[in-house]
Protein backbone atom coordinates (compact mmCIF):
# COMPACT_ATOMS: atom_id res chain seq x y z
CA UNK A 1 -13.13 -12.04 -24.01
CA UNK A 2 -10.14 -9.75 -24.85
CA UNK A 3 -8.73 -7.40 -22.20
CA UNK A 4 -10.45 -4.39 -23.88
CA UNK A 5 -13.80 -5.94 -23.12
CA UNK A 6 -13.09 -6.60 -19.49
CA UNK A 7 -14.34 -4.32 -16.74
CA UNK A 8 -11.81 -1.87 -15.23
CA UNK A 9 -10.18 -2.66 -11.99
CA UNK A 10 -11.20 -0.52 -9.09
CA UNK A 11 -8.82 0.13 -6.17
CA UNK A 12 -10.84 2.47 -4.09
CA UNK A 13 -13.15 -0.25 -2.76
CA UNK A 14 -12.86 -4.15 -2.78
CA UNK A 15 -9.59 -5.11 -4.12
CA UNK A 16 -9.40 -7.05 -7.34
CA UNK A 17 -12.00 -9.77 -6.86
CA UNK A 18 -12.08 -10.66 -10.63
CA UNK A 19 -9.02 -12.63 -11.53
CA UNK A 20 -9.71 -11.93 -15.29
CA UNK A 21 -9.49 -8.19 -14.94
CA UNK A 22 -6.62 -6.73 -16.76
CA UNK A 23 -7.56 -3.03 -16.86
CA UNK A 24 -7.13 -0.20 -14.48
CA UNK A 25 -8.61 3.40 -14.59
CA UNK A 26 -6.74 6.63 -14.59
CA UNK A 27 -8.12 7.26 -11.10
CA UNK A 28 -6.49 4.14 -9.90
CA UNK A 29 -3.12 4.92 -11.27
CA UNK A 30 -1.87 7.40 -8.53
CA UNK A 31 -3.31 5.17 -5.81
CA UNK A 32 -1.53 2.10 -6.99
CA UNK A 33 1.75 4.03 -7.43
CA UNK A 34 1.52 5.30 -3.85
CA UNK A 35 1.33 1.64 -2.69
CA UNK A 36 4.24 0.66 -4.90
CA UNK A 37 6.33 3.59 -3.63
CA UNK A 38 6.00 2.40 -0.09
CA UNK A 39 3.94 5.49 0.89
CA UNK A 40 1.10 3.72 2.53
CA UNK A 41 0.87 1.81 5.79
CA UNK A 42 2.22 -1.76 5.53
CA UNK A 43 3.60 -1.07 2.12
CA UNK A 44 3.05 -3.97 -0.33
CA UNK A 45 6.02 -6.19 -0.92
CA UNK A 46 8.21 -4.37 1.67
CA UNK A 47 9.70 -7.61 2.75
CA UNK A 48 10.51 -6.24 6.26
CA UNK A 49 9.01 -6.82 9.62
CA UNK A 50 10.13 -5.67 12.99
CA UNK A 51 13.89 -4.77 13.18
CA UNK A 52 16.23 -2.02 14.10
CA UNK A 53 15.96 1.35 12.44
CA UNK A 54 18.77 0.67 10.09
CA UNK A 55 17.22 -2.74 9.21
CA UNK A 56 14.15 -0.80 8.07
CA UNK A 57 16.04 1.75 6.15
CA UNK A 58 18.02 -0.98 4.40
CA UNK A 59 14.79 -2.79 3.65
CA UNK A 60 13.38 0.41 2.00
CA UNK A 61 16.46 0.86 -0.05
CA UNK A 62 16.34 -2.68 -1.27
CA UNK A 63 12.77 -2.40 -2.20
CA UNK A 64 13.15 0.89 -4.01
CA UNK A 65 16.36 -0.32 -5.76
CA UNK A 66 17.64 3.27 -6.03
CA UNK A 67 16.37 6.55 -4.44
CA UNK A 68 17.27 9.88 -5.84
CA UNK A 69 20.26 11.40 -3.84
CA UNK A 70 21.13 14.72 -5.37
CA UNK A 71 20.21 16.44 -2.12
CA UNK A 72 21.62 14.49 0.72
CA UNK A 73 19.25 15.85 3.34
CA UNK A 74 16.26 15.19 1.19
CA UNK A 75 17.28 11.65 0.44
CA UNK A 76 17.42 10.88 4.15
CA UNK A 77 13.69 11.71 4.57
CA UNK A 78 12.90 9.87 1.33
CA UNK A 79 14.06 6.70 3.11
CA UNK A 80 12.66 7.61 6.53
CA UNK A 81 9.26 8.56 5.23
CA UNK A 82 8.94 4.98 3.81
CA UNK A 83 10.75 3.14 6.60
CA UNK A 84 8.19 4.65 9.06
CA UNK A 85 5.48 2.55 7.30
CA UNK A 86 7.10 -0.70 8.15
CA UNK A 87 6.41 -2.68 11.38
CA UNK A 88 8.87 -1.70 14.21
CA UNK A 89 9.99 1.32 16.21
CA UNK A 90 10.24 4.79 14.89
CA UNK A 91 13.16 5.76 12.67
CA UNK A 92 15.34 8.86 12.55
CA UNK A 93 18.21 10.38 10.78
CA UNK A 94 20.67 8.39 12.94
CA UNK A 95 19.24 5.15 11.42
CA UNK A 96 19.93 6.33 7.93
CA UNK A 97 23.46 7.18 8.97
CA UNK A 98 23.86 3.66 10.60
CA UNK A 99 22.65 1.91 7.32
CA UNK A 100 25.34 3.73 5.55
CA UNK A 101 28.08 3.17 8.08
CA UNK A 102 27.19 -0.47 8.39
CA UNK A 103 27.82 -0.80 4.73
CA UNK A 104 24.29 -1.66 3.76
CA UNK A 105 23.56 1.21 1.56
CA UNK A 106 25.79 3.55 -0.60
CA UNK A 107 25.51 6.77 -2.42
CA UNK A 108 26.66 6.60 -6.06
CA UNK A 109 25.71 7.07 -9.77
CA UNK A 110 23.77 3.92 -10.71
CA UNK A 111 21.44 5.18 -13.51
CA UNK A 112 21.47 7.90 -16.18
CA UNK A 113 24.47 9.71 -14.60
CA UNK A 114 22.45 10.82 -11.58
CA UNK A 115 23.35 10.26 -7.97
CA UNK A 116 21.21 7.91 -5.89
CA UNK A 117 21.07 5.89 -2.78
CA UNK A 118 21.38 2.26 -3.51
CA UNK A 119 21.77 -1.06 -1.69
CA UNK A 120 25.51 -1.74 -1.52
CA UNK A 121 25.27 -5.16 -3.01
CA UNK A 122 23.22 -4.05 -6.01
CA UNK A 123 25.16 -0.92 -7.18
CA UNK A 124 27.78 -2.76 -9.23
CA UNK A 125 25.46 -4.84 -11.41
CA UNK A 126 23.12 -1.92 -11.95
CA UNK A 127 25.95 0.16 -13.33
CA UNK A 128 27.12 -2.63 -15.55
CA UNK A 129 23.57 -2.79 -17.00
CA UNK A 130 23.04 0.88 -17.43
CA UNK A 131 26.34 2.87 -17.61
CA UNK A 132 26.95 2.66 -21.39
CA UNK A 133 25.54 5.95 -22.36
CA UNK A 134 26.90 8.01 -19.42
CA UNK A 135 30.38 6.55 -19.87
CA UNK A 136 30.34 7.04 -23.56
CA UNK A 137 29.64 10.71 -23.19
CA UNK A 138 32.43 11.27 -20.65
CA UNK A 139 35.17 11.80 -23.25
CA UNK A 140 33.34 14.75 -24.73
CA UNK A 141 32.84 16.17 -21.38
CA UNK A 142 36.47 15.89 -20.40
CA UNK A 143 37.36 17.57 -23.82
CA UNK A 144 35.23 20.57 -22.72
CA UNK A 145 36.82 20.64 -19.28
CA UNK A 146 40.33 20.58 -20.87
CA UNK A 147 41.27 17.33 -19.11
CA UNK A 148 43.35 14.84 -21.04
CA UNK A 149 43.12 11.12 -20.56
CA UNK A 150 46.62 11.01 -19.09
CA UNK A 151 45.74 13.51 -16.44
CA UNK A 152 42.53 11.54 -15.64
CA UNK A 153 44.57 8.37 -15.25
CA UNK A 154 46.91 10.15 -12.90
CA UNK A 155 43.99 11.55 -10.87
CA UNK A 156 42.50 8.06 -10.66
CA UNK A 157 45.72 6.56 -9.43
CA UNK A 158 46.22 9.18 -6.74
CA UNK A 159 42.64 8.82 -5.63
CA UNK A 160 42.81 5.14 -5.24
CA UNK A 161 46.08 5.48 -3.21
CA UNK A 162 44.57 8.13 -1.05
CA UNK A 163 41.47 5.94 -0.29
CA UNK A 164 43.25 2.66 0.08
CA UNK A 165 42.69 1.09 3.57
CA UNK A 166 40.24 3.75 4.86
CA UNK A 167 37.16 1.50 4.48
CA UNK A 168 38.62 -1.11 6.90
CA UNK A 169 38.72 1.56 9.61
CA UNK A 170 35.23 2.79 8.79
CA UNK A 171 36.84 6.02 7.43
CA UNK A 172 36.73 7.91 4.19
CA UNK A 173 37.48 11.16 2.50
CA UNK A 174 35.18 14.02 1.67
CA UNK A 175 35.34 15.80 -1.61
CA UNK A 176 37.69 18.36 -0.30
CA UNK A 177 39.93 15.67 1.20
CA UNK A 178 40.33 13.87 -1.98
CA UNK A 179 41.04 16.97 -3.84
CA UNK A 180 43.72 17.84 -1.29
CA UNK A 181 45.43 14.53 -2.11
CA UNK A 182 45.58 15.54 -5.84
CA UNK A 183 47.31 18.79 -4.78
CA UNK A 184 49.72 17.01 -2.52
CA UNK A 185 50.67 14.69 -5.42
CA UNK A 186 51.64 17.67 -7.47
CA UNK A 187 48.71 17.50 -9.97
CA UNK A 188 47.78 20.83 -11.48
CA UNK A 189 44.02 20.39 -11.50
CA UNK A 190 41.06 22.77 -12.03
CA UNK A 191 38.13 23.12 -9.81
CA UNK A 192 35.73 22.25 -12.56
CA UNK A 193 37.36 18.84 -12.85
CA UNK A 194 36.59 17.67 -9.33
CA UNK A 195 32.89 16.69 -9.79
CA UNK A 196 33.85 14.75 -13.04
CA UNK A 197 36.62 12.83 -11.53
CA UNK A 198 34.61 11.70 -8.47
CA UNK A 199 31.73 10.86 -10.87
CA UNK A 200 34.11 8.86 -13.00
CA UNK A 201 35.44 6.96 -10.05
CA UNK A 202 31.93 6.13 -8.75
CA UNK A 203 30.28 5.53 -12.19
CA UNK A 204 33.03 2.92 -13.01
CA UNK A 205 32.65 1.12 -9.66
CA UNK A 206 36.03 2.16 -8.30
CA UNK A 207 34.74 4.23 -5.41
CA UNK A 208 31.44 4.91 -3.63
CA UNK A 209 30.09 7.24 -0.87
CA UNK A 210 29.84 4.97 2.31
CA UNK A 211 30.39 5.91 5.93
CA UNK A 212 28.88 8.95 7.50
CA UNK A 213 28.05 10.43 11.03
CA UNK A 214 24.79 11.71 9.58
CA UNK A 215 25.61 15.35 9.75
CA UNK A 216 27.42 15.43 6.37
CA UNK A 217 27.12 13.42 3.18
CA UNK A 218 28.73 10.04 3.22
CA UNK A 219 32.49 9.89 2.66
CA UNK A 220 34.27 8.41 -0.33
CA UNK A 221 35.83 4.77 0.00
CA UNK A 222 37.09 2.25 -2.42
CA UNK A 223 34.11 0.18 -3.52
CA UNK A 224 36.06 -3.01 -3.55
CA UNK A 225 36.97 -2.54 0.11
CA UNK A 226 33.58 -1.30 1.32
CA UNK A 227 31.07 -3.49 -0.58
CA UNK A 228 31.45 -6.91 1.07
CA UNK A 229 28.78 -9.01 -0.70
CA UNK A 230 28.29 -7.76 -4.32
CA UNK A 231 25.63 -9.54 -6.42
CA UNK A 232 25.30 -10.41 -10.05
CA UNK A 233 21.74 -11.62 -11.01
CA UNK A 234 21.27 -14.21 -13.61
CA UNK A 235 19.34 -11.83 -15.82
CA UNK A 236 20.33 -8.19 -14.71
CA UNK A 237 17.94 -6.54 -17.15
CA UNK A 238 14.95 -8.60 -15.91
CA UNK A 239 15.86 -7.96 -12.26
CA UNK A 240 16.18 -4.27 -12.98
CA UNK A 241 12.82 -4.08 -14.58
CA UNK A 242 11.10 -6.16 -12.01
CA UNK A 243 12.38 -4.32 -9.02
CA UNK A 244 11.97 -0.87 -10.70
CA UNK A 245 8.34 -1.63 -11.53
CA UNK A 246 7.48 -3.25 -8.24
CA UNK A 247 8.59 -0.05 -6.43
CA UNK A 248 6.96 2.38 -8.82
CA UNK A 249 4.30 0.53 -10.88
CA UNK A 250 2.08 0.57 -12.75
CA UNK A 251 4.69 1.92 -15.10
CA UNK A 252 5.14 2.16 -18.84
CA UNK A 253 8.23 0.95 -20.80
CA UNK A 254 8.99 4.60 -21.46
CA UNK A 255 9.16 5.18 -17.76
CA UNK A 256 11.74 2.37 -17.23
CA UNK A 257 13.79 3.47 -20.36
CA UNK A 258 13.99 7.12 -19.13
CA UNK A 259 14.60 6.23 -15.48
CA UNK A 260 17.41 3.68 -16.12
CA UNK A 261 18.83 5.24 -19.26
CA UNK A 262 18.02 2.15 -21.26
CA UNK A 263 16.91 1.98 -24.93
CA UNK A 264 13.28 1.26 -25.66
CA UNK A 265 14.20 -2.24 -26.78
CA UNK A 266 16.12 -2.88 -23.59
CA UNK A 267 13.29 -1.70 -21.37
CA UNK A 268 10.69 -3.77 -23.27
CA UNK A 269 12.85 -6.90 -23.11
CA UNK A 270 13.37 -6.41 -19.32
CA UNK A 271 9.76 -5.91 -18.52
CA UNK A 272 8.67 -8.87 -20.77
CA UNK A 273 11.13 -11.17 -19.05
CA UNK A 274 10.02 -9.89 -15.57
CA UNK A 275 6.35 -10.64 -16.57
CA UNK A 276 7.15 -14.09 -17.94
CA UNK A 277 8.77 -15.01 -14.65
CA UNK A 278 5.75 -13.88 -12.72
CA UNK A 279 7.51 -11.02 -11.00
CA UNK A 280 5.32 -8.48 -12.88
CA UNK A 281 1.82 -8.48 -14.24
CA UNK A 282 0.64 -6.74 -17.43
CA UNK A 283 -2.24 -4.29 -17.12
CA UNK A 284 -3.84 -1.72 -19.30
CA UNK A 285 -4.94 1.72 -18.65
CA UNK A 286 -8.66 2.22 -19.56
CA UNK A 287 -9.34 4.20 -22.66
CA UNK A 288 -5.66 4.56 -23.66
CA UNK A 289 -4.56 2.55 -26.70
CA UNK A 290 -1.10 1.39 -27.69
CA UNK A 291 2.12 1.70 -25.74
CA UNK A 292 0.77 4.52 -23.68
CA UNK A 293 -1.82 2.33 -22.15
CA UNK A 294 0.47 -0.73 -21.67
CA UNK A 295 1.54 -0.99 -17.99
CA UNK A 296 3.38 -3.33 -15.69
CA UNK A 297 3.05 -3.70 -12.00
CA UNK A 298 3.90 -6.27 -9.25
CA UNK A 299 1.06 -8.73 -8.17
CA UNK A 300 1.62 -7.65 -4.58
CA UNK A 301 0.84 -3.95 -5.39
CA UNK A 302 -2.17 -4.91 -7.42
CA UNK A 303 -3.44 -7.11 -4.58
CA UNK A 304 -2.86 -4.62 -1.79
CA UNK A 305 -5.70 -3.06 0.21
CA UNK A 306 -3.54 -0.48 2.01
CA UNK A 307 -5.33 2.90 2.28
CA UNK A 308 -3.55 5.88 0.69
CA UNK A 309 -2.89 8.72 3.27
CA UNK A 310 -4.79 11.93 2.94
CA UNK A 311 -1.63 14.10 3.26
CA UNK A 312 2.12 13.55 2.88
CA UNK A 313 5.11 15.87 3.07
CA UNK A 314 7.66 14.37 0.65
CA UNK A 315 11.09 15.67 0.03
CA UNK A 316 12.69 17.32 -2.91
CA UNK A 317 13.64 14.96 -5.80
CA UNK A 318 11.34 12.19 -4.52
CA UNK A 319 10.71 9.17 -6.57
CA UNK A 320 7.00 9.94 -6.39
CA UNK A 321 7.75 12.21 -9.25
CA UNK A 322 11.39 11.55 -10.36
CA UNK A 323 10.60 7.80 -10.73
CA UNK A 324 8.67 8.37 -14.09
CA UNK A 325 9.13 9.95 -17.43
CA UNK A 326 5.43 10.65 -17.52
CA UNK A 327 4.13 12.08 -14.30
CA UNK A 328 0.72 13.30 -15.16
CA UNK A 329 -1.05 10.83 -12.76
CA UNK A 330 0.66 12.54 -9.84
CA UNK A 331 1.15 16.11 -11.12
CA UNK A 332 -1.05 18.22 -13.28
CA UNK A 333 1.20 19.35 -16.19
CA UNK A 334 0.28 22.90 -15.73
CA UNK A 335 1.89 22.90 -12.35
CA UNK A 336 5.29 21.44 -13.42
CA UNK A 337 7.13 24.75 -13.28
CA UNK A 338 5.91 25.34 -9.76
CA UNK A 339 7.75 22.14 -8.81
CA UNK A 340 10.83 22.94 -10.94
CA UNK A 341 10.93 26.75 -11.02
CA UNK A 342 12.36 27.90 -14.35
CA UNK A 343 12.83 24.26 -15.41
CA UNK A 344 16.24 24.42 -13.65
CA UNK A 345 16.34 20.66 -12.75
CA UNK A 346 15.81 21.31 -9.10
CA UNK A 347 12.60 19.59 -7.83
CA UNK A 348 11.04 21.15 -4.75
CA UNK A 349 9.58 19.33 -1.83
CA UNK A 350 5.89 18.45 -2.34
CA UNK A 351 2.72 18.38 -0.45
CA UNK A 352 0.74 15.33 -1.67
CA UNK A 353 -2.99 14.87 -1.27
CA UNK A 354 -4.15 11.23 -1.90
CA UNK A 355 -1.49 10.57 -4.40
CA UNK A 356 -1.46 13.87 -6.21
CA UNK A 357 0.76 16.89 -5.65
CA UNK A 358 -1.20 19.83 -4.30
CA UNK A 359 1.63 22.25 -3.50
CA UNK A 360 5.23 22.62 -2.24
CA UNK A 361 6.74 23.12 1.22
CA UNK A 362 9.99 24.02 2.80
CA UNK A 363 11.50 24.22 6.30
CA UNK A 364 11.44 27.56 7.93
CA UNK A 365 14.71 27.28 9.91
CA UNK A 366 14.13 30.44 11.76
CA UNK A 367 11.16 28.84 13.46
CA UNK A 368 12.77 25.48 14.44
CA UNK A 369 10.78 22.78 13.02
CA UNK A 370 8.36 25.09 11.29
CA UNK A 371 7.46 24.85 7.64
CA UNK A 372 6.00 27.02 4.92
CA UNK A 373 3.42 25.49 2.58
CA UNK A 374 2.67 26.95 -0.88
CA UNK A 375 -0.51 25.57 -2.29
CA UNK A 376 -1.11 25.32 -6.08
CA UNK A 377 -3.72 27.89 -7.31
CA UNK A 378 -7.11 26.52 -6.58
CA UNK A 379 -5.80 23.92 -4.12
CA UNK A 380 -6.98 23.98 -0.45
CA UNK A 381 -4.46 22.99 2.15
CA UNK A 382 -5.55 23.26 5.79
CA UNK A 383 -2.42 23.58 7.96
CA UNK A 384 -4.18 21.47 10.65
CA UNK A 385 -4.60 18.61 8.27
CA UNK A 386 -0.77 18.47 7.87
CA UNK A 387 -0.16 18.32 11.63
CA UNK A 388 0.27 14.47 11.89
CA UNK A 389 2.57 14.36 8.83
CA UNK A 390 4.55 17.38 10.10
CA UNK A 391 5.02 15.70 13.51
CA UNK A 392 6.34 12.54 11.74
CA UNK A 393 8.79 14.57 9.80
CA UNK A 394 9.84 16.54 12.89
CA UNK A 395 10.27 13.38 14.94
CA UNK A 396 12.52 11.85 12.27
CA UNK A 397 14.84 14.86 12.33
CA UNK A 398 14.74 15.35 16.04
CA UNK A 399 12.96 18.63 15.96
CA UNK A 400 10.20 20.14 17.87
CA UNK A 401 7.28 20.78 15.47
CA UNK A 402 7.01 24.45 14.74
CA UNK A 403 4.18 26.26 12.94
CA UNK A 404 2.83 25.28 9.60
CA UNK A 405 2.29 28.56 7.69
CA UNK A 406 0.65 29.09 4.18
CA UNK A 407 2.74 31.07 1.77
CA UNK A 408 2.39 32.08 -1.88
CA UNK A 409 2.52 29.24 -4.38
CA UNK A 410 6.01 28.42 -5.77
CA UNK A 411 6.68 29.83 -9.17
CA UNK A 412 4.28 32.79 -8.74
């Protein structure tokens, strides 16, 4: 019997009792993704038991492979929201800072030229596997900025000299401090250059964002001094595909290609290699033919029985949406501009109901730990239903929970 003739797997009730089943339904997709994303209790495949808060944060980073890090404060909650689902004591922002300062996680540009939080030992090989396109486009960017290759080389040399030895003392430079070193060296640099130079240093594995006290973004250090145990997998593409899909699956090849900045052929080869090794399992989306219906997920996620929480408050830029090229399973397409107003690339924090986005939220700093919630048109969000999740977020940040207030929907 072919896979198209087999009954669809159901994840809302008994879990996968038929070993011959190879099909899931569209209703199953957001549920399975929540489990893969570590957003359910006892997240499947977490690989972490009881331990310190920084142990659990590091375990989440390892499992996720890379977590969006454009917004430093939001990335802390992306890690904390998942770490709280692992066995052990509660976690807080100090535990995220500890994981950075202990050299277990770093902040850098591992995929598609976008900043992420990554396990320290993994950032180098990920960049080697994925940085071809971002690096190739850098020359054109420098031309537009009016920066010559000779000036770039000088900026790199001065940066490395300024950062040398800081990692051994658990210290580093912030962006302003590094730029001050350029000025002291007599370089006539332009403000528009700073981001590009720091990106170039990190993208090419020369520097990374490491130590922090938690109140500010991690500071720059030399990667070779800070990262003590770099890894190189036997098949980087297969490991990239396996770990990406295990933490986000079921996924399409298109999702991996977009997320990692790979070609379609590279994404397909990585997924096939991961499936052949047993790290991933092929499944199909019922009623969808061709590549759009071909999915990959880890056996652990497909076999999990963890219940999906009714409500979650996820940070801006969370992998719940940013982990995929096609997000329809989690977000109705007509609401996209409510998440990214004006399509400006800035993803708002989301209220998630059983795996699907129901609105946005933001902290109301004038009311301590209070938040304002903007439901989507037609969505019903009872502030009382968010109390437990709001308390979890408040505790992580060391805040007293304030009021949960309904506001107008984002984007009008």
